[in-house]
Amino acid sequence: MAKFQWLQQKDELGPLSQLWHSFRQQHAAVLGLILFGFFALIAVFGPLITPYDPYLQNPNAVLLPPSWDDAGDVRYLLGTDDLGRDQFSRLVKGASYTFGIAFITALGALLLGFMLGVLAGMSKGFRASAFNHVLDLALTIPSLLLAIIIVAILGPGLVNTIWAIMLALLPQFVHGIRNSILQQLEQDYVIAYRLDGANNWQILRYVILPNTWEQLTVLFSMALSTAILDIAALGFLGLGAQSPAAEWGLMVAEALDLIYLSPWSIALPGLLIFVAVLSVNLVSDGLRTAMRKRQES
């Protein structure tokens, strides 16, 4: 009599289960996923846990060091800035600006790039050639430089920064999605499906798109880390979020003159930018490795 098996064999797992099985075997990727989830939660629920108003000034508590310092105050966990504003509250609020807006920007670029990438991948002749030339030209310009050019045209501000970074990330998505679709069109199962009488829309919907979602996930994770850096860089240059917004890049720029008096004012937001980008990169690398292992198996 056959014994009942509680656990499925690896070969019996579905595509998503196989991907997760390969992903969780990478400890660095799992750590990155935990950090990513932490920043996502802070970006969404951060305003509910801030002990003070991030913009509330206290003239009696200016440039206080973190609470573990001898000169610190237990009421201000991470100290205060030159206007007496609570650093912890501003850093938590900054997650909504730097991390949250970067997520929304990358998602918007993904949706728009997906539509243009599908159009580019399914096009032939003059339209395909025009897309190729435009993409090659756009990809030669670094995303940050392209965002600076767009902000210079639209003007500084957080809303214009969102549009600038979204447009700067767009060529990467269009190029990646177009290449993925072109690779799928060369597969034997696509040719067989076409010989059965399927039109381009049916091939795109039932054959190509189900096989490109993994590539979309990797593209999104790579674009998210770029968006975080670009938002912080534009804020640091004075082209993005404007004072008194609690954006991490802007906080670093505003504390430059106080680097000797309160080095924590620069170190803390800079450290958060580094950890946020690191978490996204760890997840992105883990996804690429897991996808490669799944395809090899």
Protein backbone atom coordinates (compact mmCIF):
# COMPACT_ATOMS: atom_id res chain seq x y z
CA MET A 1 0.00 0.00 0.00
CA ALA A 2 1.39 3.39 -1.02
CA LYS A 3 2.25 5.73 1.82
CA PHE A 4 0.73 9.18 1.99
CA GLN A 5 3.31 11.89 1.33
CA TRP A 6 2.94 15.05 3.37
CA LEU A 7 5.55 17.01 1.46
CA GLN A 8 5.72 17.54 -2.27
CA GLN A 9 8.87 16.81 -4.14
CA LYS A 10 10.63 19.81 -5.68
CA ASP A 11 9.77 18.67 -9.20
CA GLU A 12 6.07 18.59 -8.28
CA LEU A 13 6.00 22.22 -7.14
CA GLY A 14 4.44 24.92 -9.28
CA PRO A 15 6.49 27.71 -10.89
CA LEU A 16 5.89 30.16 -8.03
CA SER A 17 6.66 27.54 -5.40
CA GLN A 18 9.88 26.58 -7.18
CA LEU A 19 10.87 30.22 -7.41
CA TRP A 20 10.24 30.75 -3.69
CA HIS A 21 12.06 27.51 -2.83
CA SER A 22 15.17 28.72 -4.67
CA PHE A 23 14.84 32.24 -3.29
CA ARG A 24 14.61 31.28 0.38
CA GLN A 25 17.78 29.19 0.14
CA GLN A 26 19.71 32.45 -0.33
CA HIS A 27 20.17 33.96 3.12
CA ALA A 28 21.23 37.37 1.82
CA ALA A 29 18.13 37.57 -0.37
CA VAL A 30 15.85 36.64 2.55
CA LEU A 31 17.53 39.31 4.68
CA GLY A 32 16.97 41.81 1.88
CA LEU A 33 13.29 40.80 1.69
CA ILE A 34 12.89 41.36 5.45
CA LEU A 35 14.49 44.80 5.19
CA PHE A 36 12.37 45.58 2.14
CA GLY A 37 9.21 44.66 4.05
CA PHE A 38 10.35 46.81 6.98
CA PHE A 39 10.80 49.89 4.79
CA ALA A 40 7.49 49.22 3.06
CA LEU A 41 5.66 49.06 6.40
CA ILE A 42 7.37 52.22 7.64
CA ALA A 43 6.51 54.04 4.41
CA VAL A 44 2.82 53.12 4.78
CA PHE A 45 2.29 53.23 8.55
CA GLY A 46 5.13 55.57 9.54
CA PRO A 47 2.93 58.62 10.23
CA LEU A 48 1.05 56.55 12.83
CA ILE A 49 4.14 55.79 14.93
CA THR A 50 6.00 59.11 14.91
CA PRO A 51 6.18 60.44 18.50
CA TYR A 52 6.24 64.07 17.32
CA ASP A 53 5.17 66.15 14.37
CA PRO A 54 8.12 65.92 11.93
CA TYR A 55 7.85 69.66 11.29
CA LEU A 56 7.36 70.80 14.89
CA GLN A 57 10.22 73.08 16.02
CA ASN A 58 11.44 73.22 19.61
CA PRO A 59 13.87 76.12 20.26
CA ASN A 60 14.76 74.61 23.65
CA ALA A 61 16.03 71.36 22.10
CA VAL A 62 18.35 72.34 19.26
CA LEU A 63 21.02 69.93 17.97
CA LEU A 64 20.51 67.38 20.70
CA PRO A 65 22.58 64.20 20.15
CA PRO A 66 20.93 60.75 20.19
CA SER A 67 19.49 59.64 23.52
CA TRP A 68 22.32 57.18 24.26
CA ASP A 69 24.81 60.07 24.30
CA ASP A 70 25.60 61.68 27.65
CA ALA A 71 24.27 65.01 26.37
CA GLY A 72 21.19 63.44 24.79
CA ASP A 73 17.58 63.53 25.91
CA VAL A 74 15.51 60.38 26.32
CA ARG A 75 12.52 62.19 24.84
CA TYR A 76 14.33 62.40 21.48
CA LEU A 77 15.57 58.94 20.56
CA LEU A 78 17.77 60.03 17.63
CA GLY A 79 18.30 63.63 18.66
CA THR A 80 17.13 66.83 17.00
CA ASP A 81 18.24 69.01 14.10
CA ASP A 82 19.24 72.68 14.04
CA LEU A 83 15.59 73.75 14.34
CA GLY A 84 14.76 71.45 17.22
CA ARG A 85 12.78 68.97 15.10
CA ASP A 86 12.76 65.34 16.19
CA GLN A 87 15.12 63.33 14.00
CA PHE A 88 13.35 60.01 14.53
CA SER A 89 10.01 61.43 13.41
CA ARG A 90 11.58 63.05 10.36
CA LEU A 91 13.43 59.87 9.36
CA VAL A 92 10.25 57.81 9.65
CA LYS A 93 8.35 60.42 7.64
CA GLY A 94 11.17 60.42 5.09
CA ALA A 95 10.52 56.76 4.32
CA SER A 96 7.20 57.82 2.78
CA TYR A 97 9.03 60.31 0.55
CA THR A 98 12.19 58.48 -0.46
CA PHE A 99 11.06 54.85 -0.37
CA GLY A 100 7.29 55.18 -0.85
CA ILE A 101 7.42 57.66 -3.72
CA ALA A 102 10.21 55.64 -5.35
CA PHE A 103 7.95 52.58 -5.26
CA ILE A 104 5.05 54.49 -6.83
CA THR A 105 7.36 56.02 -9.45
CA ALA A 106 8.87 52.66 -10.41
CA LEU A 107 5.40 51.10 -10.58
CA GLY A 108 4.14 53.90 -12.84
CA ALA A 109 7.17 53.53 -15.09
CA LEU A 110 6.56 49.77 -15.21
CA LEU A 111 2.93 50.16 -16.32
CA LEU A 112 3.72 52.77 -18.94
CA GLY A 113 6.85 50.94 -20.08
CA PHE A 114 4.90 47.69 -20.32
CA MET A 115 2.44 49.19 -22.79
CA LEU A 116 5.18 50.79 -24.89
CA GLY A 117 7.34 47.66 -24.64
CA VAL A 118 4.52 45.46 -25.90
CA LEU A 119 3.92 47.87 -28.77
CA ALA A 120 7.64 47.88 -29.60
CA GLY A 121 7.98 44.11 -29.34
CA MET A 122 4.95 43.32 -31.47
CA SER A 123 5.75 45.96 -34.11
CA LYS A 124 7.60 45.39 -37.34
CA GLY A 125 9.05 47.50 -40.10
CA PHE A 126 9.34 51.26 -39.68
CA ARG A 127 7.73 51.41 -36.23
CA ALA A 128 10.11 48.79 -34.83
CA SER A 129 13.09 50.60 -36.34
CA ALA A 130 11.95 53.94 -34.90
CA PHE A 131 11.54 52.40 -31.43
CA ASN A 132 15.01 50.88 -31.62
CA HIS A 133 16.69 54.17 -32.50
CA VAL A 134 14.81 56.14 -29.82
CA LEU A 135 15.58 53.53 -27.16
CA ASP A 136 19.26 53.35 -28.10
CA LEU A 137 19.49 57.13 -27.81
CA ALA A 138 17.66 57.26 -24.46
CA LEU A 139 19.68 54.42 -22.93
CA THR A 140 22.96 56.21 -23.59
CA ILE A 141 21.94 58.90 -21.05
CA PRO A 142 22.19 57.95 -17.34
CA SER A 143 18.83 57.99 -15.61
CA LEU A 144 19.91 60.62 -13.05
CA LEU A 145 21.19 62.97 -15.75
CA LEU A 146 18.00 62.46 -17.73
CA ALA A 147 15.94 63.18 -14.60
CA ILE A 148 17.95 66.37 -13.95
CA ILE A 149 17.31 67.54 -17.52
CA ILE A 150 13.57 66.88 -17.17
CA VAL A 151 13.39 68.63 -13.78
CA ALA A 152 15.27 71.59 -15.26
CA ILE A 153 12.51 71.84 -17.86
CA LEU A 154 9.55 71.22 -15.55
CA GLY A 155 10.95 73.04 -12.52
CA PRO A 156 11.97 71.81 -9.04
CA GLY A 157 9.47 70.17 -6.74
CA LEU A 158 8.38 66.75 -5.57
CA VAL A 159 5.62 66.27 -8.15
CA ASN A 160 7.92 67.20 -11.03
CA THR A 161 10.53 64.86 -9.56
CA ILE A 162 8.08 61.97 -9.76
CA TRP A 163 7.38 62.66 -13.43
CA ALA A 164 11.06 63.20 -14.19
CA ILE A 165 12.21 59.92 -12.65
CA MET A 166 9.30 58.04 -14.18
CA LEU A 167 10.24 59.28 -17.64
CA ALA A 168 13.94 58.62 -16.93
CA LEU A 169 13.19 54.98 -15.98
CA LEU A 170 10.87 54.44 -18.92
CA PRO A 171 13.53 53.49 -21.53
CA GLN A 172 14.85 50.69 -19.30
CA PHE A 173 11.41 49.10 -19.01
CA VAL A 174 10.59 49.49 -22.68
CA HIS A 175 13.93 48.02 -23.71
CA GLY A 176 13.72 45.08 -21.28
CA ILE A 177 10.10 44.21 -22.10
CA ARG A 178 10.67 44.51 -25.84
CA ASN A 179 13.69 42.18 -25.69
CA SER A 180 11.75 39.68 -23.59
CA ILE A 181 8.87 39.65 -26.08
CA LEU A 182 11.23 39.26 -29.04
CA GLN A 183 12.87 36.28 -27.32
CA GLN A 184 9.49 34.69 -26.72
CA LEU A 185 8.42 35.19 -30.35
CA GLU A 186 11.37 33.06 -31.46
CA GLN A 187 10.35 30.06 -29.32
CA ASP A 188 8.95 26.94 -30.96
CA TYR A 189 5.75 26.92 -28.90
CA VAL A 190 4.90 30.43 -30.12
CA ILE A 191 5.41 29.35 -33.73
CA ALA A 192 3.24 26.27 -33.12
CA TYR A 193 0.54 28.43 -31.55
CA ARG A 194 0.63 30.75 -34.56
CA LEU A 195 0.32 27.79 -36.93
CA ASP A 196 -2.85 26.79 -35.08
CA GLY A 197 -4.38 30.05 -36.24
CA ALA A 198 -3.80 32.30 -33.21
CA ASN A 199 -3.55 36.03 -33.88
CA ASN A 200 -1.06 38.42 -32.30
CA TRP A 201 -3.38 39.36 -29.42
CA GLN A 202 -4.00 35.73 -28.48
CA ILE A 203 -0.29 34.93 -28.64
CA LEU A 204 0.49 37.96 -26.50
CA ARG A 205 -2.18 37.23 -23.91
CA TYR A 206 -1.98 33.46 -23.53
CA VAL A 207 1.65 32.67 -24.41
CA ILE A 208 4.01 35.62 -24.12
CA LEU A 209 2.74 37.52 -21.06
CA PRO A 210 2.62 34.47 -18.72
CA ASN A 211 6.29 33.86 -19.56
CA THR A 212 7.47 37.44 -19.00
CA TRP A 213 6.16 38.23 -15.52
CA GLU A 214 9.39 37.05 -13.92
CA GLN A 215 11.38 39.41 -16.12
CA LEU A 216 9.01 42.23 -15.17
CA THR A 217 9.63 41.53 -11.48
CA VAL A 218 13.39 41.76 -11.90
CA LEU A 219 13.10 44.93 -13.98
CA PHE A 220 10.91 46.51 -11.33
CA SER A 221 13.29 45.67 -8.48
CA MET A 222 16.25 47.09 -10.40
CA ALA A 223 14.32 50.26 -11.25
CA LEU A 224 13.22 50.68 -7.63
CA SER A 225 16.79 50.95 -6.36
CA THR A 226 17.55 53.46 -9.12
CA ALA A 227 14.45 55.48 -8.20
CA ILE A 228 15.47 55.62 -4.52
CA LEU A 229 18.91 56.93 -5.41
CA ASP A 230 17.54 59.43 -7.95
CA ILE A 231 14.96 60.85 -5.54
CA ALA A 232 17.60 61.24 -2.84
CA ALA A 233 20.08 62.74 -5.30
CA LEU A 234 17.58 65.27 -6.64
CA GLY A 235 16.61 66.21 -3.09
CA PHE A 236 20.29 66.63 -2.20
CA LEU A 237 20.83 68.89 -5.24
CA GLY A 238 17.79 71.02 -4.34
CA LEU A 239 15.84 69.93 -7.43
CA GLY A 240 13.53 67.42 -5.75
CA ALA A 241 11.65 67.73 -2.49
CA GLN A 242 11.81 71.22 -1.05
CA SER A 243 12.27 72.31 2.56
CA PRO A 244 10.78 71.59 5.08
CA ALA A 245 9.95 68.16 3.58
CA ALA A 246 11.52 65.28 5.50
CA GLU A 247 13.10 63.59 2.47
CA TRP A 248 16.33 61.73 3.23
CA GLY A 249 18.42 63.31 0.47
CA LEU A 250 17.21 66.79 1.40
CA MET A 251 17.97 66.09 5.07
CA VAL A 252 21.57 65.24 4.16
CA ALA A 253 21.89 68.46 2.16
CA GLU A 254 20.46 70.61 4.95
CA ALA A 255 22.84 69.10 7.51
CA LEU A 256 26.04 69.57 5.50
CA ASP A 257 26.89 72.82 7.28
CA LEU A 258 26.49 71.05 10.64
CA ILE A 259 28.68 68.05 9.90
CA TYR A 260 31.11 68.87 12.74
CA LEU A 261 28.41 69.91 15.23
CA SER A 262 25.93 67.08 14.59
CA PRO A 263 27.39 64.35 12.38
CA TRP A 264 24.41 62.14 13.22
CA SER A 265 22.18 64.48 11.18
CA ILE A 266 24.01 63.34 8.04
CA ALA A 267 24.89 59.79 9.05
CA LEU A 268 21.35 58.66 9.89
CA PRO A 269 19.54 59.59 6.64
CA GLY A 270 22.58 58.53 4.62
CA LEU A 271 22.57 55.15 6.35
CA LEU A 272 18.87 54.67 5.64
CA ILE A 273 19.38 55.44 1.94
CA PHE A 274 22.21 52.88 1.84
CA VAL A 275 20.21 50.16 3.62
CA ALA A 276 17.10 50.78 1.49
CA VAL A 277 19.05 50.45 -1.76
CA LEU A 278 20.93 47.44 -0.39
CA SER A 279 17.70 45.64 0.52
CA VAL A 280 16.24 46.16 -2.96
CA ASN A 281 19.48 45.01 -4.63
CA LEU A 282 19.63 41.88 -2.46
CA VAL A 283 16.06 40.99 -3.40
CA SER A 284 16.77 41.70 -7.08
CA ASP A 285 19.88 39.50 -7.09
CA GLY A 286 18.01 36.75 -5.27
CA LEU A 287 15.19 36.83 -7.81
CA ARG A 288 17.61 36.64 -10.73
CA THR A 289 19.43 33.69 -9.17
CA ALA A 290 16.17 31.90 -8.36
CA MET A 291 14.86 32.44 -11.89
CA ARG A 292 18.05 31.09 -13.39
CA LYS A 293 17.94 27.97 -11.21
CA ARG A 294 14.28 27.38 -12.04
CA GLN A 295 14.94 27.68 -15.76
CA GLU A 296 17.91 25.29 -15.52
CA SER A 297 15.81 22.72 -13.68
